[in-house]
Amino acid sequence: MDALKTPRITDPDGFYAELLGAHEGMSEADSHAMNARLVLLLANAVGDRGVLSEAIALAKKAGG
């Protein structure tokens, strides 16, 4: 899906820095737990099951 591949974040570097900063001082387990919560919050905001399934497939492919 092109919508998932088209950059839409107005300040991607700032967002990335904020995301990394949110993990500072956390244990690995706490960091993973926060990522899981963030994924669920963002998935709820997206809301479209088809888009979410496509995102899962793209993320899995990118990691392999």
PDB file of N, CA and C in Angstrom:
ATOM      1  N   MET A   1       0.846  -1.178   0.000  1.00  0.00           N
ATOM      2  CA  MET A   1       0.000   0.000   0.000  1.00  0.00           C
ATOM      3  C   MET A   1       0.889   1.238   0.000  1.00  0.00           C
ATOM      4  N   ASP A   2       0.670   2.102  -0.948  1.00  0.00           N
ATOM      5  CA  ASP A   2       1.496   3.296  -1.092  1.00  0.00           C
ATOM      6  C   ASP A   2       1.398   4.244   0.102  1.00  0.00           C
ATOM      7  N   ALA A   3       0.239   4.291   0.747  1.00  0.00           N
ATOM      8  CA  ALA A   3       0.063   5.195   1.888  1.00  0.00           C
ATOM      9  C   ALA A   3       1.047   4.869   3.012  1.00  0.00           C
ATOM     10  N   LEU A   4       1.418   3.615   3.127  1.00  0.00           N
ATOM     11  CA  LEU A   4       2.352   3.221   4.174  1.00  0.00           C
ATOM     12  C   LEU A   4       3.800   3.524   3.805  1.00  0.00           C
ATOM     13  N   LYS A   5       4.064   3.732   2.537  1.00  0.00           N
ATOM     14  CA  LYS A   5       5.432   3.982   2.082  1.00  0.00           C
ATOM     15  C   LYS A   5       5.706   5.453   1.803  1.00  0.00           C
ATOM     16  N   THR A   6       4.657   6.272   1.779  1.00  0.00           N
ATOM     17  CA  THR A   6       4.804   7.698   1.491  1.00  0.00           C
ATOM     18  C   THR A   6       5.092   8.455   2.789  1.00  0.00           C
ATOM     19  N   PRO A   7       6.222   9.162   2.875  1.00  0.00           N
ATOM     20  CA  PRO A   7       6.533   9.917   4.090  1.00  0.00           C
ATOM     21  C   PRO A   7       5.453  10.965   4.381  1.00  0.00           C
ATOM     22  N   ARG A   8       4.949  10.969   5.626  1.00  0.00           N
ATOM     23  CA  ARG A   8       3.914  11.918   6.006  1.00  0.00           C
ATOM     24  C   ARG A   8       4.241  12.636   7.301  1.00  0.00           C
ATOM     25  N   ILE A   9       5.300  12.282   7.960  1.00  0.00           N
ATOM     26  CA  ILE A   9       5.693  12.950   9.203  1.00  0.00           C
ATOM     27  C   ILE A   9       6.432  14.224   8.826  1.00  0.00           C
ATOM     28  N   THR A  10       5.952  15.354   9.328  1.00  0.00           N
ATOM     29  CA  THR A  10       6.536  16.639   8.931  1.00  0.00           C
ATOM     30  C   THR A  10       7.952  16.838   9.457  1.00  0.00           C
ATOM     31  N   ASP A  11       8.294  16.222  10.570  1.00  0.00           N
ATOM     32  CA  ASP A  11       9.633  16.356  11.146  1.00  0.00           C
ATOM     33  C   ASP A  11      10.143  14.971  11.543  1.00  0.00           C
ATOM     34  N   PRO A  12      10.503  14.134  10.550  1.00  0.00           N
ATOM     35  CA  PRO A  12      10.888  12.757  10.881  1.00  0.00           C
ATOM     36  C   PRO A  12      12.101  12.662  11.798  1.00  0.00           C
ATOM     37  N   ASP A  13      13.076  13.546  11.621  1.00  0.00           N
ATOM     38  CA  ASP A  13      14.258  13.499  12.492  1.00  0.00           C
ATOM     39  C   ASP A  13      13.893  13.868  13.928  1.00  0.00           C
ATOM     40  N   GLY A  14      13.039  14.857  14.073  1.00  0.00           N
ATOM     41  CA  GLY A  14      12.586  15.256  15.411  1.00  0.00           C
ATOM     42  C   GLY A  14      11.776  14.156  16.075  1.00  0.00           C
ATOM     43  N   PHE A  15      10.912  13.513  15.292  1.00  0.00           N
ATOM     44  CA  PHE A  15      10.126  12.397  15.832  1.00  0.00           C
ATOM     45  C   PHE A  15      11.043  11.264  16.267  1.00  0.00           C
ATOM     46  N   TYR A  16      12.023  10.935  15.437  1.00  0.00           N
ATOM     47  CA  TYR A  16      12.946   9.845  15.762  1.00  0.00           C
ATOM     48  C   TYR A  16      13.720  10.169  17.041  1.00  0.00           C
ATOM     49  N   ALA A  17      14.172  11.410  17.156  1.00  0.00           N
ATOM     50  CA  ALA A  17      14.894  11.820  18.367  1.00  0.00           C
ATOM     51  C   ALA A  17      13.990  11.720  19.598  1.00  0.00           C
ATOM     52  N   GLU A  18      12.734  12.130  19.451  1.00  0.00           N
ATOM     53  CA  GLU A  18      11.787  12.037  20.569  1.00  0.00           C
ATOM     54  C   GLU A  18      11.542  10.586  20.960  1.00  0.00           C
ATOM     55  N   LEU A  19      11.400   9.730  19.954  1.00  0.00           N
ATOM     56  CA  LEU A  19      11.181   8.306  20.210  1.00  0.00           C
ATOM     57  C   LEU A  19      12.376   7.692  20.938  1.00  0.00           C
ATOM     58  N   LEU A  20      13.574   7.981  20.457  1.00  0.00           N
ATOM     59  CA  LEU A  20      14.771   7.465  21.135  1.00  0.00           C
ATOM     60  C   LEU A  20      14.886   8.015  22.550  1.00  0.00           C
ATOM     61  N   GLY A  21      14.589   9.297  22.703  1.00  0.00           N
ATOM     62  CA  GLY A  21      14.666   9.934  24.018  1.00  0.00           C
ATOM     63  C   GLY A  21      13.693   9.322  25.017  1.00  0.00           C
ATOM     64  N   ALA A  22      12.549   8.883  24.531  1.00  0.00           N
ATOM     65  CA  ALA A  22      11.554   8.273  25.411  1.00  0.00           C
ATOM     66  C   ALA A  22      12.060   6.966  26.011  1.00  0.00           C
ATOM     67  N   HIS A  23      13.035   6.345  25.369  1.00  0.00           N
ATOM     68  CA  HIS A  23      13.580   5.076  25.833  1.00  0.00           C
ATOM     69  C   HIS A  23      14.782   5.245  26.765  1.00  0.00           C
ATOM     70  N   GLU A  24      15.293   6.455  26.867  1.00  0.00           N
ATOM     71  CA  GLU A  24      16.489   6.678  27.701  1.00  0.00           C
ATOM     72  C   GLU A  24      16.235   6.275  29.143  1.00  0.00           C
ATOM     73  N   GLY A  25      17.178   5.544  29.693  1.00  0.00           N
ATOM     74  CA  GLY A  25      17.101   5.136  31.086  1.00  0.00           C
ATOM     75  C   GLY A  25      16.218   3.924  31.341  1.00  0.00           C
ATOM     76  N   MET A  26      15.593   3.388  30.312  1.00  0.00           N
ATOM     77  CA  MET A  26      14.729   2.215  30.478  1.00  0.00           C
ATOM     78  C   MET A  26      15.541   0.935  30.340  1.00  0.00           C
ATOM     79  N   SER A  27      15.086  -0.076  31.048  1.00  0.00           N
ATOM     80  CA  SER A  27      15.667  -1.399  30.832  1.00  0.00           C
ATOM     81  C   SER A  27      15.193  -1.896  29.465  1.00  0.00           C
ATOM     82  N   GLU A  28      15.836  -2.933  28.969  1.00  0.00           N
ATOM     83  CA  GLU A  28      15.423  -3.487  27.684  1.00  0.00           C
ATOM     84  C   GLU A  28      13.972  -3.959  27.737  1.00  0.00           C
ATOM     85  N   ALA A  29      13.585  -4.598  28.837  1.00  0.00           N
ATOM     86  CA  ALA A  29      12.215  -5.096  28.980  1.00  0.00           C
ATOM     87  C   ALA A  29      11.210  -3.941  28.991  1.00  0.00           C
ATOM     88  N   ASP A  30      11.532  -2.868  29.721  1.00  0.00           N
ATOM     89  CA  ASP A  30      10.641  -1.709  29.771  1.00  0.00           C
ATOM     90  C   ASP A  30      10.542  -1.037  28.407  1.00  0.00           C
ATOM     91  N   SER A  31      11.661  -0.982  27.690  1.00  0.00           N
ATOM     92  CA  SER A  31      11.680  -0.403  26.352  1.00  0.00           C
ATOM     93  C   SER A  31      10.791  -1.199  25.398  1.00  0.00           C
ATOM     94  N   HIS A  32      10.895  -2.521  25.455  1.00  0.00           N
ATOM     95  CA  HIS A  32      10.049  -3.375  24.613  1.00  0.00           C
ATOM     96  C   HIS A  32       8.570  -3.196  24.975  1.00  0.00           C
ATOM     97  N   ALA A  33       8.290  -3.105  26.266  1.00  0.00           N
ATOM     98  CA  ALA A  33       6.903  -2.928  26.708  1.00  0.00           C
ATOM     99  C   ALA A  33       6.353  -1.587  26.232  1.00  0.00           C
ATOM    100  N   MET A  34       7.169  -0.537  26.291  1.00  0.00           N
ATOM    101  CA  MET A  34       6.716   0.756  25.807  1.00  0.00           C
ATOM    102  C   MET A  34       6.457   0.710  24.305  1.00  0.00           C
ATOM    103  N   ASN A  35       7.342   0.061  23.557  1.00  0.00           N
ATOM    104  CA  ASN A  35       7.125  -0.080  22.110  1.00  0.00           C
ATOM    105  C   ASN A  35       5.809  -0.810  21.824  1.00  0.00           C
ATOM    106  N   ALA A  36       5.525  -1.849  22.584  1.00  0.00           N
ATOM    107  CA  ALA A  36       4.275  -2.584  22.386  1.00  0.00           C
ATOM    108  C   ALA A  36       3.070  -1.689  22.661  1.00  0.00           C
ATOM    109  N   ARG A  37       3.130  -0.915  23.733  1.00  0.00           N
ATOM    110  CA  ARG A  37       2.023   0.010  24.033  1.00  0.00           C
ATOM    111  C   ARG A  37       1.870   1.048  22.939  1.00  0.00           C
ATOM    112  N   LEU A  38       2.992   1.570  22.453  1.00  0.00           N
ATOM    113  CA  LEU A  38       2.951   2.569  21.389  1.00  0.00           C
ATOM    114  C   LEU A  38       2.338   1.992  20.118  1.00  0.00           C
ATOM    115  N   VAL A  39       2.727   0.773  19.757  1.00  0.00           N
ATOM    116  CA  VAL A  39       2.163   0.124  18.574  1.00  0.00           C
ATOM    117  C   VAL A  39       0.652  -0.010  18.713  1.00  0.00           C
ATOM    118  N   LEU A  40       0.180  -0.435  19.882  1.00  0.00           N
ATOM    119  CA  LEU A  40      -1.258  -0.605  20.084  1.00  0.00           C
ATOM    120  C   LEU A  40      -1.999   0.729  20.039  1.00  0.00           C
ATOM    121  N   LEU A  41      -1.414   1.774  20.600  1.00  0.00           N
ATOM    122  CA  LEU A  41      -2.041   3.102  20.539  1.00  0.00           C
ATOM    123  C   LEU A  41      -2.128   3.610  19.104  1.00  0.00           C
ATOM    124  N   LEU A  42      -1.043   3.452  18.354  1.00  0.00           N
ATOM    125  CA  LEU A  42      -1.040   3.907  16.966  1.00  0.00           C
ATOM    126  C   LEU A  42      -1.964   3.053  16.103  1.00  0.00           C
ATOM    127  N   ALA A  43      -2.012   1.749  16.363  1.00  0.00           N
ATOM    128  CA  ALA A  43      -2.922   0.878  15.624  1.00  0.00           C
ATOM    129  C   ALA A  43      -4.370   1.294  15.862  1.00  0.00           C
ATOM    130  N   ASN A  44      -4.685   1.646  17.090  1.00  0.00           N
ATOM    131  CA  ASN A  44      -6.030   2.112  17.395  1.00  0.00           C
ATOM    132  C   ASN A  44      -6.337   3.412  16.657  1.00  0.00           C
ATOM    133  N   ALA A  45      -5.349   4.296  16.559  1.00  0.00           N
ATOM    134  CA  ALA A  45      -5.544   5.564  15.850  1.00  0.00           C
ATOM    135  C   ALA A  45      -5.763   5.329  14.357  1.00  0.00           C
ATOM    136  N   VAL A  46      -5.050   4.356  13.777  1.00  0.00           N
ATOM    137  CA  VAL A  46      -5.216   4.029  12.357  1.00  0.00           C
ATOM    138  C   VAL A  46      -6.588   3.405  12.144  1.00  0.00           C
ATOM    139  N   GLY A  47      -6.874   2.389  12.922  1.00  0.00           N
ATOM    140  CA  GLY A  47      -8.193   1.795  12.943  1.00  0.00           C
ATOM    141  C   GLY A  47      -8.583   0.894  11.786  1.00  0.00           C
ATOM    142  N   ASP A  48      -7.965   1.007  10.652  1.00  0.00           N
ATOM    143  CA  ASP A  48      -8.331   0.225   9.473  1.00  0.00           C
ATOM    144  C   ASP A  48      -7.574  -1.098   9.498  1.00  0.00           C
ATOM    145  N   ARG A  49      -8.303  -2.200   9.655  1.00  0.00           N
ATOM    146  CA  ARG A  49      -7.678  -3.510   9.804  1.00  0.00           C
ATOM    147  C   ARG A  49      -6.839  -3.894   8.593  1.00  0.00           C
ATOM    148  N   GLY A  50      -7.283  -3.521   7.399  1.00  0.00           N
ATOM    149  CA  GLY A  50      -6.509  -3.821   6.194  1.00  0.00           C
ATOM    150  C   GLY A  50      -5.182  -3.089   6.174  1.00  0.00           C
ATOM    151  N   VAL A  51      -5.195  -1.827   6.558  1.00  0.00           N
ATOM    152  CA  VAL A  51      -3.960  -1.034   6.625  1.00  0.00           C
ATOM    153  C   VAL A  51      -3.025  -1.628   7.670  1.00  0.00           C
ATOM    154  N   LEU A  52      -3.572  -2.032   8.804  1.00  0.00           N
ATOM    155  CA  LEU A  52      -2.741  -2.616   9.861  1.00  0.00           C
ATOM    156  C   LEU A  52      -2.108  -3.933   9.412  1.00  0.00           C
ATOM    157  N   SER A  53      -2.870  -4.757   8.712  1.00  0.00           N
ATOM    158  CA  SER A  53      -2.312  -6.017   8.209  1.00  0.00           C
ATOM    159  C   SER A  53      -1.201  -5.764   7.201  1.00  0.00           C
ATOM    160  N   GLU A  54      -1.399  -4.774   6.335  1.00  0.00           N
ATOM    161  CA  GLU A  54      -0.364  -4.415   5.360  1.00  0.00           C
ATOM    162  C   GLU A  54       0.884  -3.889   6.065  1.00  0.00           C
ATOM    163  N   ALA A  55       0.687  -3.105   7.100  1.00  0.00           N
ATOM    164  CA  ALA A  55       1.832  -2.580   7.859  1.00  0.00           C
ATOM    165  C   ALA A  55       2.622  -3.702   8.509  1.00  0.00           C
ATOM    166  N   ILE A  56       1.929  -4.672   9.059  1.00  0.00           N
ATOM    167  CA  ILE A  56       2.599  -5.830   9.657  1.00  0.00           C
ATOM    168  C   ILE A  56       3.426  -6.558   8.598  1.00  0.00           C
ATOM    169  N   ALA A  57       2.841  -6.784   7.446  1.00  0.00           N
ATOM    170  CA  ALA A  57       3.548  -7.491   6.372  1.00  0.00           C
ATOM    171  C   ALA A  57       4.773  -6.710   5.915  1.00  0.00           C
ATOM    172  N   LEU A  58       4.627  -5.386   5.766  1.00  0.00           N
ATOM    173  CA  LEU A  58       5.768  -4.568   5.333  1.00  0.00           C
ATOM    174  C   LEU A  58       6.877  -4.553   6.373  1.00  0.00           C
ATOM    175  N   ALA A  59       6.506  -4.432   7.648  1.00  0.00           N
ATOM    176  CA  ALA A  59       7.503  -4.407   8.710  1.00  0.00           C
ATOM    177  C   ALA A  59       8.230  -5.746   8.812  1.00  0.00           C
ATOM    178  N   LYS A  60       7.496  -6.828   8.642  1.00  0.00           N
ATOM    179  CA  LYS A  60       8.111  -8.152   8.707  1.00  0.00           C
ATOM    180  C   LYS A  60       9.082  -8.341   7.548  1.00  0.00           C
ATOM    181  N   LYS A  61       8.670  -7.915   6.365  1.00  0.00           N
ATOM    182  CA  LYS A  61       9.524  -8.030   5.171  1.00  0.00           C
ATOM    183  C   LYS A  61      10.790  -7.177   5.326  1.00  0.00           C
ATOM    184  N   ALA A  62      10.649  -5.969   5.859  1.00  0.00           N
ATOM    185  CA  ALA A  62      11.789  -5.053   6.000  1.00  0.00           C
ATOM    186  C   ALA A  62      12.808  -5.597   6.997  1.00  0.00           C
ATOM    187  N   GLY A  63      12.355  -6.374   7.964  1.00  0.00           N
ATOM    188  CA  GLY A  63      13.257  -6.909   8.975  1.00  0.00           C
ATOM    189  C   GLY A  63      13.985  -8.160   8.549  1.00  0.00           C
ATOM    190  N   GLY A  64      13.593  -8.733   7.424  1.00  0.00           N
ATOM    191  CA  GLY A  64      14.170 -10.013   7.029  1.00  0.00           C
ATOM    192  C   GLY A  64      15.087  -9.829   5.917  1.00  0.00           C
TER     193      GLY A  64
END
